[in-house]
Amino acid sequence: MLRDVTYRYQPPQNFTALSAADSLRDSNPFSAANLKGKQLWFITAPANAPISRLPAFSPVDVAEGNPVMEIKGRSFCLNEDTEALDGSVKIMFPDSKGVYRAVGQSIEKAFRMVESLPKRRKISKDQIPEAQPVRLQPEGLRMRYKPFGAVGDAEDEVMGGCQ
């Protein structure tokens, strides 16, 4: 039997709610007049990479997977997120009455910020260790252990075909 389970949203500890009066006092950045000729980009980031510190980046860096931000020695790159472009993600903003409504413009590009691995170092041929020669088996080496189920006399067998 399936039951509908609802969960109460718990905001983060440092969250301060924006009252409807405060949100209306500022101009609406998502109004049709403000969005005219602009694109909406949706960027998700991990908690340890504040999106406020994201500098301007080149689309070439995103396409090549180059890091776009570095924090405390950790590099972060942006990967295109096609799942957010299918219409399932909407931006909500309060209107003049304080009711949240979806913004009329769709999201043009979506990115997911991920921590990138350090680039591989180039190794010169001098740094590659030389191959060690294969050690040859000693002459007359005999098998001393006879595994369970083996047939034959182990004392007569010589390992490696040596005589």
C-alpha atoms as a PDB file:
ATOM      1  CA  MET A   1       0.000   0.000   0.000  1.00  0.00           C
ATOM      2  CA  LEU A   2       1.450   3.328  -1.044  1.00  0.00           C
ATOM      3  CA  ARG A   3       1.023   6.363   1.174  1.00  0.00           C
ATOM      4  CA  ASP A   4       1.701   9.942   0.229  1.00  0.00           C
ATOM      5  CA  VAL A   5       4.418  11.258   2.487  1.00  0.00           C
ATOM      6  CA  THR A   6       4.922  14.975   2.776  1.00  0.00           C
ATOM      7  CA  TYR A   7       7.986  16.616   4.202  1.00  0.00           C
ATOM      8  CA  ARG A   8       8.125  20.063   5.751  1.00  0.00           C
ATOM      9  CA  TYR A   9      10.806  22.242   4.155  1.00  0.00           C
ATOM     10  CA  GLN A  10      13.563  23.254   6.574  1.00  0.00           C
ATOM     11  CA  PRO A  11      15.599  26.233   5.316  1.00  0.00           C
ATOM     12  CA  PRO A  12      19.344  26.443   6.059  1.00  0.00           C
ATOM     13  CA  GLN A  13      20.369  27.847   9.470  1.00  0.00           C
ATOM     14  CA  ASN A  14      21.571  31.219   8.124  1.00  0.00           C
ATOM     15  CA  PHE A  15      18.475  31.714   5.949  1.00  0.00           C
ATOM     16  CA  THR A  16      16.519  34.933   6.385  1.00  0.00           C
ATOM     17  CA  ALA A  17      13.179  35.086   4.670  1.00  0.00           C
ATOM     18  CA  LEU A  18      12.484  38.004   2.372  1.00  0.00           C
ATOM     19  CA  SER A  19       9.157  39.601   3.130  1.00  0.00           C
ATOM     20  CA  ALA A  20       6.804  40.408   0.290  1.00  0.00           C
ATOM     21  CA  ALA A  21       7.168  44.138   1.025  1.00  0.00           C
ATOM     22  CA  ASP A  22      10.980  43.922   0.788  1.00  0.00           C
ATOM     23  CA  SER A  23      10.850  42.003  -2.468  1.00  0.00           C
ATOM     24  CA  LEU A  24       8.475  44.523  -4.023  1.00  0.00           C
ATOM     25  CA  ARG A  25      10.571  47.506  -2.922  1.00  0.00           C
ATOM     26  CA  ASP A  26      13.411  46.400  -5.208  1.00  0.00           C
ATOM     27  CA  SER A  27      12.790  46.336  -8.933  1.00  0.00           C
ATOM     28  CA  ASN A  28      11.892  42.934 -10.319  1.00  0.00           C
ATOM     29  CA  PRO A  29      14.974  41.555 -12.144  1.00  0.00           C
ATOM     30  CA  PHE A  30      12.759  38.934 -13.802  1.00  0.00           C
ATOM     31  CA  SER A  31      10.181  41.314 -15.251  1.00  0.00           C
ATOM     32  CA  ALA A  32       9.616  41.146 -18.988  1.00  0.00           C
ATOM     33  CA  ALA A  33      11.173  44.613 -19.387  1.00  0.00           C
ATOM     34  CA  ASN A  34      14.380  43.598 -17.566  1.00  0.00           C
ATOM     35  CA  LEU A  35      14.675  40.269 -19.413  1.00  0.00           C
ATOM     36  CA  LYS A  36      14.202  41.713 -22.890  1.00  0.00           C
ATOM     37  CA  GLY A  37      17.216  40.779 -25.026  1.00  0.00           C
ATOM     38  CA  LYS A  38      18.801  38.724 -22.215  1.00  0.00           C
ATOM     39  CA  GLN A  39      19.273  35.011 -21.596  1.00  0.00           C
ATOM     40  CA  LEU A  40      18.556  33.128 -18.381  1.00  0.00           C
ATOM     41  CA  TRP A  41      21.301  30.743 -17.296  1.00  0.00           C
ATOM     42  CA  PHE A  42      20.809  28.214 -14.519  1.00  0.00           C
ATOM     43  CA  ILE A  43      23.988  27.260 -12.624  1.00  0.00           C
ATOM     44  CA  THR A  44      24.104  24.763  -9.758  1.00  0.00           C
ATOM     45  CA  ALA A  45      27.151  24.635  -7.508  1.00  0.00           C
ATOM     46  CA  PRO A  46      28.328  22.507  -4.568  1.00  0.00           C
ATOM     47  CA  ALA A  47      28.175  24.016  -1.080  1.00  0.00           C
ATOM     48  CA  ASN A  48      31.975  24.402  -0.887  1.00  0.00           C
ATOM     49  CA  ALA A  49      32.046  26.508  -4.084  1.00  0.00           C
ATOM     50  CA  PRO A  50      30.133  29.741  -3.518  1.00  0.00           C
ATOM     51  CA  ILE A  51      28.589  30.821  -6.786  1.00  0.00           C
ATOM     52  CA  SER A  52      29.083  34.456  -5.775  1.00  0.00           C
ATOM     53  CA  ARG A  53      32.823  33.970  -6.396  1.00  0.00           C
ATOM     54  CA  LEU A  54      32.315  32.707  -9.947  1.00  0.00           C
ATOM     55  CA  PRO A  55      34.234  35.066 -12.261  1.00  0.00           C
ATOM     56  CA  ALA A  56      33.454  35.790 -15.904  1.00  0.00           C
ATOM     57  CA  PHE A  57      34.302  32.723 -17.976  1.00  0.00           C
ATOM     58  CA  SER A  58      34.763  31.845 -21.599  1.00  0.00           C
ATOM     59  CA  PRO A  59      32.457  29.397 -23.419  1.00  0.00           C
ATOM     60  CA  VAL A  60      35.645  27.845 -24.820  1.00  0.00           C
ATOM     61  CA  ASP A  61      36.779  26.981 -21.279  1.00  0.00           C
ATOM     62  CA  VAL A  62      33.434  25.300 -20.611  1.00  0.00           C
ATOM     63  CA  ALA A  63      33.577  23.323 -23.871  1.00  0.00           C
ATOM     64  CA  GLU A  64      37.156  22.147 -23.221  1.00  0.00           C
ATOM     65  CA  GLY A  65      36.490  21.329 -19.547  1.00  0.00           C
ATOM     66  CA  ASN A  66      39.017  23.885 -18.270  1.00  0.00           C
ATOM     67  CA  PRO A  67      38.625  25.127 -14.678  1.00  0.00           C
ATOM     68  CA  VAL A  68      36.681  28.370 -14.386  1.00  0.00           C
ATOM     69  CA  MET A  69      37.233  28.965 -10.661  1.00  0.00           C
ATOM     70  CA  GLU A  70      39.781  28.022  -7.999  1.00  0.00           C
ATOM     71  CA  ILE A  71      39.123  28.128  -4.252  1.00  0.00           C
ATOM     72  CA  LYS A  72      41.670  27.014  -1.634  1.00  0.00           C
ATOM     73  CA  GLY A  73      43.656  25.033  -4.199  1.00  0.00           C
ATOM     74  CA  ARG A  74      40.585  23.225  -5.561  1.00  0.00           C
ATOM     75  CA  SER A  75      39.616  23.775  -9.183  1.00  0.00           C
ATOM     76  CA  PHE A  76      36.029  23.817 -10.421  1.00  0.00           C
ATOM     77  CA  CYS A  77      34.748  23.507 -13.970  1.00  0.00           C
ATOM     78  CA  LEU A  78      31.312  23.860 -15.528  1.00  0.00           C
ATOM     79  CA  ASN A  79      29.566  21.002 -17.315  1.00  0.00           C
ATOM     80  CA  GLU A  80      26.518  21.645 -19.458  1.00  0.00           C
ATOM     81  CA  ASP A  81      23.384  20.244 -17.852  1.00  0.00           C
ATOM     82  CA  THR A  82      20.867  19.226 -20.504  1.00  0.00           C
ATOM     83  CA  GLU A  83      18.362  17.856 -17.947  1.00  0.00           C
ATOM     84  CA  ALA A  84      17.540  21.358 -16.702  1.00  0.00           C
ATOM     85  CA  LEU A  85      16.712  22.509 -20.230  1.00  0.00           C
ATOM     86  CA  ASP A  86      13.822  20.089 -20.757  1.00  0.00           C
ATOM     87  CA  GLY A  87      11.377  22.476 -19.084  1.00  0.00           C
ATOM     88  CA  SER A  88      11.303  20.718 -15.707  1.00  0.00           C
ATOM     89  CA  VAL A  89      13.209  23.556 -13.981  1.00  0.00           C
ATOM     90  CA  LYS A  90      11.386  26.864 -13.594  1.00  0.00           C
ATOM     91  CA  ILE A  91      12.420  30.132 -11.967  1.00  0.00           C
ATOM     92  CA  MET A  92       9.843  31.457  -9.514  1.00  0.00           C
ATOM     93  CA  PHE A  93       9.624  35.109  -8.440  1.00  0.00           C
ATOM     94  CA  PRO A  94       7.035  36.975  -6.338  1.00  0.00           C
ATOM     95  CA  ASP A  95       4.686  39.286  -8.201  1.00  0.00           C
ATOM     96  CA  SER A  96       3.269  42.581  -6.897  1.00  0.00           C
ATOM     97  CA  LYS A  97       0.884  40.711  -4.562  1.00  0.00           C
ATOM     98  CA  GLY A  98       3.633  38.503  -3.113  1.00  0.00           C
ATOM     99  CA  VAL A  99       2.426  35.399  -4.964  1.00  0.00           C
ATOM    100  CA  TYR A 100       5.211  33.343  -6.521  1.00  0.00           C
ATOM    101  CA  ARG A 101       4.814  32.814 -10.241  1.00  0.00           C
ATOM    102  CA  ALA A 102       7.006  31.221 -12.899  1.00  0.00           C
ATOM    103  CA  VAL A 103       9.088  33.658 -14.926  1.00  0.00           C
ATOM    104  CA  GLY A 104       7.795  33.853 -18.484  1.00  0.00           C
ATOM    105  CA  GLN A 105      11.191  33.310 -20.119  1.00  0.00           C
ATOM    106  CA  SER A 106      12.699  29.843 -20.425  1.00  0.00           C
ATOM    107  CA  ILE A 107      16.208  28.889 -19.317  1.00  0.00           C
ATOM    108  CA  GLU A 108      18.627  29.140 -22.253  1.00  0.00           C
ATOM    109  CA  LYS A 109      21.657  27.372 -20.763  1.00  0.00           C
ATOM    110  CA  ALA A 110      22.174  25.261 -17.683  1.00  0.00           C
ATOM    111  CA  PHE A 111      25.481  24.352 -16.067  1.00  0.00           C
ATOM    112  CA  ARG A 112      26.552  22.148 -13.202  1.00  0.00           C
ATOM    113  CA  MET A 113      29.711  23.204 -11.367  1.00  0.00           C
ATOM    114  CA  VAL A 114      31.879  20.226 -10.405  1.00  0.00           C
ATOM    115  CA  GLU A 115      35.286  19.879  -8.817  1.00  0.00           C
ATOM    116  CA  SER A 116      37.842  18.996 -11.450  1.00  0.00           C
ATOM    117  CA  LEU A 117      40.800  16.705 -11.076  1.00  0.00           C
ATOM    118  CA  PRO A 118      44.255  18.208 -11.408  1.00  0.00           C
ATOM    119  CA  LYS A 119      45.715  18.171 -14.913  1.00  0.00           C
ATOM    120  CA  ARG A 120      48.145  15.371 -15.667  1.00  0.00           C
ATOM    121  CA  ARG A 121      51.789  16.256 -15.570  1.00  0.00           C
ATOM    122  CA  LYS A 122      53.823  15.710 -18.707  1.00  0.00           C
ATOM    123  CA  ILE A 123      56.497  13.087 -18.071  1.00  0.00           C
ATOM    124  CA  SER A 124      59.678  13.101 -20.089  1.00  0.00           C
ATOM    125  CA  LYS A 125      61.378   9.884 -21.192  1.00  0.00           C
ATOM    126  CA  ASP A 126      64.159  10.444 -18.610  1.00  0.00           C
ATOM    127  CA  GLN A 127      61.607  10.158 -15.778  1.00  0.00           C
ATOM    128  CA  ILE A 128      60.273   6.762 -16.904  1.00  0.00           C
ATOM    129  CA  PRO A 129      62.074   3.975 -15.025  1.00  0.00           C
ATOM    130  CA  GLU A 130      63.923   1.402 -17.114  1.00  0.00           C
ATOM    131  CA  ALA A 131      62.324  -2.002 -17.531  1.00  0.00           C
ATOM    132  CA  GLN A 132      63.809  -4.583 -15.200  1.00  0.00           C
ATOM    133  CA  PRO A 133      65.145  -7.774 -16.855  1.00  0.00           C
ATOM    134  CA  VAL A 134      63.095 -10.919 -16.247  1.00  0.00           C
ATOM    135  CA  ARG A 135      64.784 -13.251 -13.785  1.00  0.00           C
ATOM    136  CA  LEU A 136      65.404 -16.729 -15.167  1.00  0.00           C
ATOM    137  CA  GLN A 137      64.370 -19.823 -13.261  1.00  0.00           C
ATOM    138  CA  PRO A 138      67.215 -21.711 -11.572  1.00  0.00           C
ATOM    139  CA  GLU A 139      68.359 -24.972 -13.167  1.00  0.00           C
ATOM    140  CA  GLY A 140      66.776 -28.161 -11.803  1.00  0.00           C
ATOM    141  CA  LEU A 141      63.920 -26.446  -9.951  1.00  0.00           C
ATOM    142  CA  ARG A 142      61.446 -29.080  -8.741  1.00  0.00           C
ATOM    143  CA  MET A 143      57.836 -28.752  -7.636  1.00  0.00           C
ATOM    144  CA  ARG A 144      57.573 -29.471  -3.905  1.00  0.00           C
ATOM    145  CA  TYR A 145      53.893 -28.754  -3.394  1.00  0.00           C
ATOM    146  CA  LYS A 146      51.351 -31.105  -4.839  1.00  0.00           C
ATOM    147  CA  PRO A 147      47.899 -29.442  -4.905  1.00  0.00           C
ATOM    148  CA  PHE A 148      44.836 -31.368  -3.812  1.00  0.00           C
ATOM    149  CA  GLY A 149      43.499 -33.458  -6.671  1.00  0.00           C
ATOM    150  CA  ALA A 150      46.724 -33.431  -8.684  1.00  0.00           C
ATOM    151  CA  VAL A 151      47.621 -36.703 -10.352  1.00  0.00           C
ATOM    152  CA  GLY A 152      51.169 -37.993 -10.734  1.00  0.00           C
ATOM    153  CA  ASP A 153      54.347 -37.957  -8.732  1.00  0.00           C
ATOM    154  CA  ALA A 154      55.513 -34.412  -7.964  1.00  0.00           C
ATOM    155  CA  GLU A 155      59.107 -35.490  -7.367  1.00  0.00           C
ATOM    156  CA  ASP A 156      59.563 -36.503 -11.013  1.00  0.00           C
ATOM    157  CA  GLU A 157      58.292 -33.214 -12.477  1.00  0.00           C
ATOM    158  CA  VAL A 158      60.699 -30.407 -13.256  1.00  0.00           C
ATOM    159  CA  MET A 159      59.410 -26.794 -13.377  1.00  0.00           C
ATOM    160  CA  GLY A 160      59.760 -24.689 -16.512  1.00  0.00           C
ATOM    161  CA  GLY A 161      60.878 -27.536 -18.714  1.00  0.00           C
ATOM    162  CA  CYS A 162      64.440 -27.413 -17.283  1.00  0.00           C
ATOM    163  CA  GLN A 163      66.352 -30.696 -16.967  1.00  0.00           C
END
